[in-house]
Amino acid sequence: MTRPRLGVTLLIAMAVWLSSPSPTLACSTCYGQADGPMIDAAQVGTLLLLGVVLAVQVAFAAFFLYLRRQAARHGQSTSEAAGPGQPGEWRSA
């Protein structure tokens, strides 16, 4: 067999092997045991991962609120130091 033909043959063999059903790849739900310990562990894992995602989103929101407060505080301090004129107005030196 030549190289391209061997590659195509291996690719087809891999596709057939992966698409064939196998009882070792099935979970306990497929066999009708929907209340086993494996299902309970999967549910707890899902809730734990949702908790992590929620905590990261709350941290991002808190960080952006912190930045907004710092920007407002910085804007007040620079407008007080600007002197006469409008607070956001450019002045020539």
PDB file of N, CA and C in Angstrom:
ATOM      1  N   MET A   1       0.834  -1.193   0.000  1.00  0.00           N
ATOM      2  CA  MET A   1       0.000   0.000   0.000  1.00  0.00           C
ATOM      3  C   MET A   1       0.873   1.249   0.000  1.00  0.00           C
ATOM      4  N   THR A   2       0.430   2.236  -0.712  1.00  0.00           N
ATOM      5  CA  THR A   2       1.167   3.496  -0.730  1.00  0.00           C
ATOM      6  C   THR A   2       0.769   4.328   0.482  1.00  0.00           C
ATOM      7  N   ARG A   3       1.525   5.349   0.735  1.00  0.00           N
ATOM      8  CA  ARG A   3       1.285   6.188   1.920  1.00  0.00           C
ATOM      9  C   ARG A   3      -0.100   6.839   1.938  1.00  0.00           C
ATOM     10  N   PRO A   4      -0.556   7.516   0.893  1.00  0.00           N
ATOM     11  CA  PRO A   4      -1.882   8.148   0.953  1.00  0.00           C
ATOM     12  C   PRO A   4      -3.004   7.127   1.146  1.00  0.00           C
ATOM     13  N   ARG A   5      -2.868   5.986   0.532  1.00  0.00           N
ATOM     14  CA  ARG A   5      -3.891   4.963   0.662  1.00  0.00           C
ATOM     15  C   ARG A   5      -3.929   4.411   2.086  1.00  0.00           C
ATOM     16  N   LEU A   6      -2.762   4.276   2.685  1.00  0.00           N
ATOM     17  CA  LEU A   6      -2.684   3.795   4.063  1.00  0.00           C
ATOM     18  C   LEU A   6      -3.315   4.801   5.019  1.00  0.00           C
ATOM     19  N   GLY A   7      -3.076   6.084   4.796  1.00  0.00           N
ATOM     20  CA  GLY A   7      -3.661   7.125   5.642  1.00  0.00           C
ATOM     21  C   GLY A   7      -5.174   7.149   5.546  1.00  0.00           C
ATOM     22  N   VAL A   8      -5.706   7.017   4.342  1.00  0.00           N
ATOM     23  CA  VAL A   8      -7.154   7.004   4.158  1.00  0.00           C
ATOM     24  C   VAL A   8      -7.757   5.771   4.808  1.00  0.00           C
ATOM     25  N   THR A   9      -7.095   4.627   4.671  1.00  0.00           N
ATOM     26  CA  THR A   9      -7.580   3.392   5.283  1.00  0.00           C
ATOM     27  C   THR A   9      -7.601   3.513   6.802  1.00  0.00           C
ATOM     28  N   LEU A  10      -6.540   4.068   7.366  1.00  0.00           N
ATOM     29  CA  LEU A  10      -6.499   4.257   8.820  1.00  0.00           C
ATOM     30  C   LEU A  10      -7.567   5.244   9.285  1.00  0.00           C
ATOM     31  N   LEU A  11      -7.798   6.277   8.515  1.00  0.00           N
ATOM     32  CA  LEU A  11      -8.821   7.257   8.865  1.00  0.00           C
ATOM     33  C   LEU A  11     -10.211   6.632   8.854  1.00  0.00           C
ATOM     34  N   ILE A  12     -10.499   5.819   7.860  1.00  0.00           N
ATOM     35  CA  ILE A  12     -11.797   5.141   7.786  1.00  0.00           C
ATOM     36  C   ILE A  12     -11.936   4.138   8.920  1.00  0.00           C
ATOM     37  N   ALA A  13     -10.869   3.403   9.214  1.00  0.00           N
ATOM     38  CA  ALA A  13     -10.914   2.438  10.313  1.00  0.00           C
ATOM     39  C   ALA A  13     -11.149   3.142  11.649  1.00  0.00           C
ATOM     40  N   MET A  14     -10.523   4.287  11.867  1.00  0.00           N
ATOM     41  CA  MET A  14     -10.713   5.056  13.102  1.00  0.00           C
ATOM     42  C   MET A  14     -12.146   5.570  13.208  1.00  0.00           C
ATOM     43  N   ALA A  15     -12.707   6.033  12.099  1.00  0.00           N
ATOM     44  CA  ALA A  15     -14.084   6.532  12.112  1.00  0.00           C
ATOM     45  C   ALA A  15     -15.069   5.406  12.420  1.00  0.00           C
ATOM     46  N   VAL A  16     -14.850   4.238  11.855  1.00  0.00           N
ATOM     47  CA  VAL A  16     -15.729   3.099  12.126  1.00  0.00           C
ATOM     48  C   VAL A  16     -15.606   2.673  13.579  1.00  0.00           C
ATOM     49  N   TRP A  17     -14.390   2.641  14.088  1.00  0.00           N
ATOM     50  CA  TRP A  17     -14.173   2.232  15.477  1.00  0.00           C
ATOM     51  C   TRP A  17     -14.813   3.209  16.462  1.00  0.00           C
ATOM     52  N   LEU A  18     -14.706   4.518  16.191  1.00  0.00           N
ATOM     53  CA  LEU A  18     -15.287   5.513  17.088  1.00  0.00           C
ATOM     54  C   LEU A  18     -16.809   5.574  17.003  1.00  0.00           C
ATOM     55  N   SER A  19     -17.360   5.240  15.859  1.00  0.00           N
ATOM     56  CA  SER A  19     -18.814   5.317  15.716  1.00  0.00           C
ATOM     57  C   SER A  19     -19.532   4.043  16.156  1.00  0.00           C
ATOM     58  N   SER A  20     -18.801   3.002  16.447  1.00  0.00           N
ATOM     59  CA  SER A  20     -19.458   1.763  16.876  1.00  0.00           C
ATOM     60  C   SER A  20     -19.840   1.873  18.348  1.00  0.00           C
ATOM     61  N   PRO A  21     -21.013   1.385  18.722  1.00  0.00           N
ATOM     62  CA  PRO A  21     -21.435   1.458  20.125  1.00  0.00           C
ATOM     63  C   PRO A  21     -20.625   0.488  20.972  1.00  0.00           C
ATOM     64  N   SER A  22     -20.353   0.926  22.156  1.00  0.00           N
ATOM     65  CA  SER A  22     -19.580   0.083  23.062  1.00  0.00           C
ATOM     66  C   SER A  22     -20.169   0.202  24.461  1.00  0.00           C
ATOM     67  N   PRO A  23     -20.418  -0.897  25.129  1.00  0.00           N
ATOM     68  CA  PRO A  23     -20.986  -0.809  26.473  1.00  0.00           C
ATOM     69  C   PRO A  23     -20.016  -0.211  27.491  1.00  0.00           C
ATOM     70  N   THR A  24     -18.737  -0.244  27.223  1.00  0.00           N
ATOM     71  CA  THR A  24     -17.794   0.322  28.175  1.00  0.00           C
ATOM     72  C   THR A  24     -17.801   1.843  28.157  1.00  0.00           C
ATOM     73  N   LEU A  25     -18.320   2.460  27.102  1.00  0.00           N
ATOM     74  CA  LEU A  25     -18.363   3.912  27.023  1.00  0.00           C
ATOM     75  C   LEU A  25     -19.681   4.493  27.534  1.00  0.00           C
ATOM     76  N   ALA A  26     -20.630   3.643  27.890  1.00  0.00           N
ATOM     77  CA  ALA A  26     -21.939   4.114  28.331  1.00  0.00           C
ATOM     78  C   ALA A  26     -21.916   4.410  29.828  1.00  0.00           C
ATOM     79  N   CYS A  27     -22.729   5.386  30.242  1.00  0.00           N
ATOM     80  CA  CYS A  27     -22.805   5.731  31.660  1.00  0.00           C
ATOM     81  C   CYS A  27     -23.958   4.967  32.312  1.00  0.00           C
ATOM     82  N   SER A  28     -24.102   5.151  33.612  1.00  0.00           N
ATOM     83  CA  SER A  28     -25.133   4.405  34.326  1.00  0.00           C
ATOM     84  C   SER A  28     -26.536   4.872  33.959  1.00  0.00           C
ATOM     85  N   THR A  29     -26.696   6.092  33.487  1.00  0.00           N
ATOM     86  CA  THR A  29     -28.011   6.569  33.072  1.00  0.00           C
ATOM     87  C   THR A  29     -28.510   5.801  31.858  1.00  0.00           C
ATOM     88  N   CYS A  30     -27.596   5.437  30.969  1.00  0.00           N
ATOM     89  CA  CYS A  30     -27.993   4.689  29.777  1.00  0.00           C
ATOM     90  C   CYS A  30     -28.537   3.312  30.136  1.00  0.00           C
ATOM     91  N   TYR A  31     -28.136   2.804  31.259  1.00  0.00           N
ATOM     92  CA  TYR A  31     -28.611   1.483  31.689  1.00  0.00           C
ATOM     93  C   TYR A  31     -29.814   1.582  32.609  1.00  0.00           C
ATOM     94  N   GLY A  32     -30.319   2.768  32.884  1.00  0.00           N
ATOM     95  CA  GLY A  32     -31.533   2.942  33.665  1.00  0.00           C
ATOM     96  C   GLY A  32     -31.310   3.184  35.139  1.00  0.00           C
ATOM     97  N   GLN A  33     -30.097   3.367  35.582  1.00  0.00           N
ATOM     98  CA  GLN A  33     -29.826   3.626  36.994  1.00  0.00           C
ATOM     99  C   GLN A  33     -29.628   5.136  37.184  1.00  0.00           C
ATOM    100  N   ALA A  34     -30.739   5.862  37.223  1.00  0.00           N
ATOM    101  CA  ALA A  34     -30.679   7.316  37.263  1.00  0.00           C
ATOM    102  C   ALA A  34     -30.558   7.875  38.671  1.00  0.00           C
ATOM    103  N   ASP A  35     -30.514   7.050  39.680  1.00  0.00           N
ATOM    104  CA  ASP A  35     -30.410   7.547  41.051  1.00  0.00           C
ATOM    105  C   ASP A  35     -29.207   6.960  41.770  1.00  0.00           C
ATOM    106  N   GLY A  36     -28.182   6.624  41.039  1.00  0.00           N
ATOM    107  CA  GLY A  36     -26.988   6.037  41.629  1.00  0.00           C
ATOM    108  C   GLY A  36     -26.034   7.085  42.159  1.00  0.00           C
ATOM    109  N   PRO A  37     -24.974   6.646  42.794  1.00  0.00           N
ATOM    110  CA  PRO A  37     -24.004   7.592  43.357  1.00  0.00           C
ATOM    111  C   PRO A  37     -23.234   8.366  42.281  1.00  0.00           C
ATOM    112  N   MET A  38     -23.111   7.777  41.105  1.00  0.00           N
ATOM    113  CA  MET A  38     -22.408   8.479  40.038  1.00  0.00           C
ATOM    114  C   MET A  38     -23.206   9.694  39.559  1.00  0.00           C
ATOM    115  N   ILE A  39     -24.515   9.566  39.521  1.00  0.00           N
ATOM    116  CA  ILE A  39     -25.378  10.681  39.128  1.00  0.00           C
ATOM    117  C   ILE A  39     -25.336  11.771  40.194  1.00  0.00           C
ATOM    118  N   ASP A  40     -25.339  11.373  41.457  1.00  0.00           N
ATOM    119  CA  ASP A  40     -25.256  12.354  42.542  1.00  0.00           C
ATOM    120  C   ASP A  40     -23.939  13.130  42.469  1.00  0.00           C
ATOM    121  N   ALA A  41     -22.856  12.433  42.189  1.00  0.00           N
ATOM    122  CA  ALA A  41     -21.560  13.102  42.083  1.00  0.00           C
ATOM    123  C   ALA A  41     -21.532  14.059  40.895  1.00  0.00           C
ATOM    124  N   ALA A  42     -22.152  13.682  39.788  1.00  0.00           N
ATOM    125  CA  ALA A  42     -22.201  14.566  38.625  1.00  0.00           C
ATOM    126  C   ALA A  42     -23.016  15.814  38.925  1.00  0.00           C
ATOM    127  N   GLN A  43     -24.091  15.672  39.665  1.00  0.00           N
ATOM    128  CA  GLN A  43     -24.903  16.835  40.030  1.00  0.00           C
ATOM    129  C   GLN A  43     -24.145  17.771  40.955  1.00  0.00           C
ATOM    130  N   VAL A  44     -23.443  17.223  41.922  1.00  0.00           N
ATOM    131  CA  VAL A  44     -22.668  18.055  42.835  1.00  0.00           C
ATOM    132  C   VAL A  44     -21.536  18.756  42.077  1.00  0.00           C
ATOM    133  N   GLY A  45     -20.901  18.041  41.160  1.00  0.00           N
ATOM    134  CA  GLY A  45     -19.844  18.646  40.351  1.00  0.00           C
ATOM    135  C   GLY A  45     -20.365  19.789  39.500  1.00  0.00           C
ATOM    136  N   THR A  46     -21.543  19.612  38.923  1.00  0.00           N
ATOM    137  CA  THR A  46     -22.145  20.667  38.112  1.00  0.00           C
ATOM    138  C   THR A  46     -22.455  21.891  38.958  1.00  0.00           C
ATOM    139  N   LEU A  47     -23.009  21.689  40.130  1.00  0.00           N
ATOM    140  CA  LEU A  47     -23.309  22.820  41.017  1.00  0.00           C
ATOM    141  C   LEU A  47     -22.032  23.522  41.472  1.00  0.00           C
ATOM    142  N   LEU A  48     -20.989  22.749  41.723  1.00  0.00           N
ATOM    143  CA  LEU A  48     -19.723  23.340  42.135  1.00  0.00           C
ATOM    144  C   LEU A  48     -19.129  24.197  41.019  1.00  0.00           C
ATOM    145  N   LEU A  49     -19.179  23.705  39.795  1.00  0.00           N
ATOM    146  CA  LEU A  49     -18.654  24.485  38.678  1.00  0.00           C
ATOM    147  C   LEU A  49     -19.491  25.737  38.422  1.00  0.00           C
ATOM    148  N   LEU A  50     -20.802  25.639  38.581  1.00  0.00           N
ATOM    149  CA  LEU A  50     -21.643  26.830  38.449  1.00  0.00           C
ATOM    150  C   LEU A  50     -21.312  27.850  39.532  1.00  0.00           C
ATOM    151  N   GLY A  51     -21.005  27.375  40.723  1.00  0.00           N
ATOM    152  CA  GLY A  51     -20.604  28.271  41.800  1.00  0.00           C
ATOM    153  C   GLY A  51     -19.307  29.001  41.489  1.00  0.00           C
ATOM    154  N   VAL A  52     -18.351  28.294  40.903  1.00  0.00           N
ATOM    155  CA  VAL A  52     -17.076  28.919  40.535  1.00  0.00           C
ATOM    156  C   VAL A  52     -17.299  29.991  39.470  1.00  0.00           C
ATOM    157  N   VAL A  53     -18.109  29.680  38.473  1.00  0.00           N
ATOM    158  CA  VAL A  53     -18.392  30.644  37.409  1.00  0.00           C
ATOM    159  C   VAL A  53     -19.093  31.876  37.983  1.00  0.00           C
ATOM    160  N   LEU A  54     -20.037  31.673  38.869  1.00  0.00           N
ATOM    161  CA  LEU A  54     -20.745  32.791  39.488  1.00  0.00           C
ATOM    162  C   LEU A  54     -19.794  33.645  40.325  1.00  0.00           C
ATOM    163  N   ALA A  55     -18.890  33.012  41.049  1.00  0.00           N
ATOM    164  CA  ALA A  55     -17.938  33.760  41.871  1.00  0.00           C
ATOM    165  C   ALA A  55     -17.012  34.619  40.990  1.00  0.00           C
ATOM    166  N   VAL A  56     -16.587  34.095  39.867  1.00  0.00           N
ATOM    167  CA  VAL A  56     -15.720  34.864  38.969  1.00  0.00           C
ATOM    168  C   VAL A  56     -16.485  36.043  38.375  1.00  0.00           C
ATOM    169  N   GLN A  57     -17.743  35.838  38.010  1.00  0.00           N
ATOM    170  CA  GLN A  57     -18.530  36.937  37.460  1.00  0.00           C
ATOM    171  C   GLN A  57     -18.772  38.028  38.500  1.00  0.00           C
ATOM    172  N   VAL A  58     -19.030  37.649  39.738  1.00  0.00           N
ATOM    173  CA  VAL A  58     -19.214  38.634  40.806  1.00  0.00           C
ATOM    174  C   VAL A  58     -17.914  39.396  41.044  1.00  0.00           C
ATOM    175  N   ALA A  59     -16.786  38.701  40.978  1.00  0.00           N
ATOM    176  CA  ALA A  59     -15.497  39.372  41.165  1.00  0.00           C
ATOM    177  C   ALA A  59     -15.241  40.390  40.054  1.00  0.00           C
ATOM    178  N   PHE A  60     -15.579  40.050  38.807  1.00  0.00           N
ATOM    179  CA  PHE A  60     -15.428  41.012  37.710  1.00  0.00           C
ATOM    180  C   PHE A  60     -16.317  42.228  37.934  1.00  0.00           C
ATOM    181  N   ALA A  61     -17.550  42.014  38.319  1.00  0.00           N
ATOM    182  CA  ALA A  61     -18.460  43.139  38.546  1.00  0.00           C
ATOM    183  C   ALA A  61     -17.947  44.023  39.682  1.00  0.00           C
ATOM    184  N   ALA A  62     -17.471  43.416  40.758  1.00  0.00           N
ATOM    185  CA  ALA A  62     -16.948  44.190  41.881  1.00  0.00           C
ATOM    186  C   ALA A  62     -15.715  44.987  41.469  1.00  0.00           C
ATOM    187  N   PHE A  63     -14.859  44.388  40.649  1.00  0.00           N
ATOM    188  CA  PHE A  63     -13.664  45.089  40.187  1.00  0.00           C
ATOM    189  C   PHE A  63     -14.021  46.301  39.343  1.00  0.00           C
ATOM    190  N   PHE A  64     -15.008  46.162  38.452  1.00  0.00           N
ATOM    191  CA  PHE A  64     -15.393  47.294  37.617  1.00  0.00           C
ATOM    192  C   PHE A  64     -16.108  48.376  38.430  1.00  0.00           C
ATOM    193  N   LEU A  65     -16.856  47.994  39.443  1.00  0.00           N
ATOM    194  CA  LEU A  65     -17.444  49.002  40.331  1.00  0.00           C
ATOM    195  C   LEU A  65     -16.352  49.739  41.101  1.00  0.00           C
ATOM    196  N   TYR A  66     -15.342  49.019  41.520  1.00  0.00           N
ATOM    197  CA  TYR A  66     -14.206  49.642  42.195  1.00  0.00           C
ATOM    198  C   TYR A  66     -13.512  50.637  41.260  1.00  0.00           C
ATOM    199  N   LEU A  67     -13.305  50.239  40.016  1.00  0.00           N
ATOM    200  CA  LEU A  67     -12.676  51.153  39.063  1.00  0.00           C
ATOM    201  C   LEU A  67     -13.523  52.387  38.820  1.00  0.00           C
ATOM    202  N   ARG A  68     -14.844  52.222  38.764  1.00  0.00           N
ATOM    203  CA  ARG A  68     -15.728  53.368  38.551  1.00  0.00           C
ATOM    204  C   ARG A  68     -15.651  54.335  39.727  1.00  0.00           C
ATOM    205  N   ARG A  69     -15.614  53.792  40.943  1.00  0.00           N
ATOM    206  CA  ARG A  69     -15.497  54.658  42.122  1.00  0.00           C
ATOM    207  C   ARG A  69     -14.157  55.390  42.136  1.00  0.00           C
ATOM    208  N   GLN A  70     -13.089  54.690  41.771  1.00  0.00           N
ATOM    209  CA  GLN A  70     -11.774  55.328  41.741  1.00  0.00           C
ATOM    210  C   GLN A  70     -11.715  56.419  40.674  1.00  0.00           C
ATOM    211  N   ALA A  71     -12.334  56.181  39.518  1.00  0.00           N
ATOM    212  CA  ALA A  71     -12.353  57.190  38.465  1.00  0.00           C
ATOM    213  C   ALA A  71     -13.152  58.412  38.898  1.00  0.00           C
ATOM    214  N   ALA A  72     -14.266  58.183  39.576  1.00  0.00           N
ATOM    215  CA  ALA A  72     -15.064  59.311  40.063  1.00  0.00           C
ATOM    216  C   ALA A  72     -14.292  60.096  41.119  1.00  0.00           C
ATOM    217  N   ARG A  73     -13.617  59.400  42.005  1.00  0.00           N
ATOM    218  CA  ARG A  73     -12.828  60.077  43.037  1.00  0.00           C
ATOM    219  C   ARG A  73     -11.675  60.855  42.395  1.00  0.00           C
ATOM    220  N   HIS A  74     -11.043  60.278  41.387  1.00  0.00           N
ATOM    221  CA  HIS A  74      -9.949  60.954  40.697  1.00  0.00           C
ATOM    222  C   HIS A  74     -10.479  62.163  39.917  1.00  0.00           C
ATOM    223  N   GLY A  75     -11.654  62.052  39.336  1.00  0.00           N
ATOM    224  CA  GLY A  75     -12.254  63.161  38.606  1.00  0.00           C
ATOM    225  C   GLY A  75     -12.594  64.318  39.520  1.00  0.00           C
ATOM    226  N   GLN A  76     -13.044  64.041  40.741  1.00  0.00           N
ATOM    227  CA  GLN A  76     -13.353  65.107  41.688  1.00  0.00           C
ATOM    228  C   GLN A  76     -12.081  65.812  42.140  1.00  0.00           C
ATOM    229  N   SER A  77     -11.024  65.048  42.373  1.00  0.00           N
ATOM    230  CA  SER A  77      -9.792  65.677  42.867  1.00  0.00           C
ATOM    231  C   SER A  77      -9.129  66.520  41.783  1.00  0.00           C
ATOM    232  N   THR A  78      -9.218  66.113  40.525  1.00  0.00           N
ATOM    233  CA  THR A  78      -8.612  66.932  39.469  1.00  0.00           C
ATOM    234  C   THR A  78      -9.462  68.144  39.139  1.00  0.00           C
ATOM    235  N   SER A  79     -10.794  68.066  39.292  1.00  0.00           N
ATOM    236  CA  SER A  79     -11.623  69.231  39.000  1.00  0.00           C
ATOM    237  C   SER A  79     -11.463  70.289  40.090  1.00  0.00           C
ATOM    238  N   GLU A  80     -11.205  69.880  41.318  1.00  0.00           N
ATOM    239  CA  GLU A  80     -10.967  70.856  42.379  1.00  0.00           C
ATOM    240  C   GLU A  80      -9.626  71.541  42.199  1.00  0.00           C
ATOM    241  N   ALA A  81      -8.646  70.829  41.664  1.00  0.00           N
ATOM    242  CA  ALA A  81      -7.317  71.400  41.475  1.00  0.00           C
ATOM    243  C   ALA A  81      -7.223  72.219  40.189  1.00  0.00           C
ATOM    244  N   ALA A  82      -8.221  72.126  39.313  1.00  0.00           N
ATOM    245  CA  ALA A  82      -8.153  72.803  38.017  1.00  0.00           C
ATOM    246  C   ALA A  82      -8.287  74.315  38.147  1.00  0.00           C
ATOM    247  N   GLY A  83      -8.996  74.804  39.148  1.00  0.00           N
ATOM    248  CA  GLY A  83      -9.158  76.237  39.319  1.00  0.00           C
ATOM    249  C   GLY A  83     -10.344  76.742  38.525  1.00  0.00           C
ATOM    250  N   PRO A  84     -10.255  77.998  38.004  1.00  0.00           N
ATOM    251  CA  PRO A  84     -11.390  78.567  37.281  1.00  0.00           C
ATOM    252  C   PRO A  84     -11.590  77.894  35.926  1.00  0.00           C
ATOM    253  N   GLY A  85     -12.802  77.989  35.422  1.00  0.00           N
ATOM    254  CA  GLY A  85     -13.141  77.382  34.145  1.00  0.00           C
ATOM    255  C   GLY A  85     -14.021  76.171  34.351  1.00  0.00           C
ATOM    256  N   GLN A  86     -14.365  75.522  33.252  1.00  0.00           N
ATOM    257  CA  GLN A  86     -15.211  74.343  33.339  1.00  0.00           C
ATOM    258  C   GLN A  86     -14.378  73.148  33.812  1.00  0.00           C
ATOM    259  N   PRO A  87     -15.008  72.192  34.518  1.00  0.00           N
ATOM    260  CA  PRO A  87     -14.248  71.071  35.092  1.00  0.00           C
ATOM    261  C   PRO A  87     -13.554  70.189  34.076  1.00  0.00           C
ATOM    262  N   GLY A  88     -14.030  70.042  32.886  1.00  0.00           N
ATOM    263  CA  GLY A  88     -13.378  69.181  31.932  1.00  0.00           C
ATOM    264  C   GLY A  88     -12.670  69.936  30.820  1.00  0.00           C
ATOM    265  N   GLU A  89     -12.510  71.222  30.978  1.00  0.00           N
ATOM    266  CA  GLU A  89     -12.006  72.092  29.917  1.00  0.00           C
ATOM    267  C   GLU A  89     -10.484  72.042  29.844  1.00  0.00           C
ATOM    268  N   TRP A  90      -9.948  72.069  28.616  1.00  0.00           N
ATOM    269  CA  TRP A  90      -8.511  72.101  28.419  1.00  0.00           C
ATOM    270  C   TRP A  90      -8.019  73.526  28.539  1.00  0.00           C
ATOM    271  N   ARG A  91      -6.914  73.663  29.187  1.00  0.00           N
ATOM    272  CA  ARG A  91      -6.335  74.992  29.319  1.00  0.00           C
ATOM    273  C   ARG A  91      -4.949  74.989  28.700  1.00  0.00           C
ATOM    274  N   SER A  92      -4.563  76.077  28.101  1.00  0.00           N
ATOM    275  CA  SER A  92      -3.200  76.173  27.567  1.00  0.00           C
ATOM    276  C   SER A  92      -2.290  76.682  28.667  1.00  0.00           C
ATOM    277  N   ALA A  93      -1.052  76.258  28.620  1.00  0.00           N
ATOM    278  CA  ALA A  93      -0.104  76.607  29.690  1.00  0.00           C
ATOM    279  C   ALA A  93       0.515  77.944  29.498  1.00  0.00           C
TER     280      ALA A  93
END
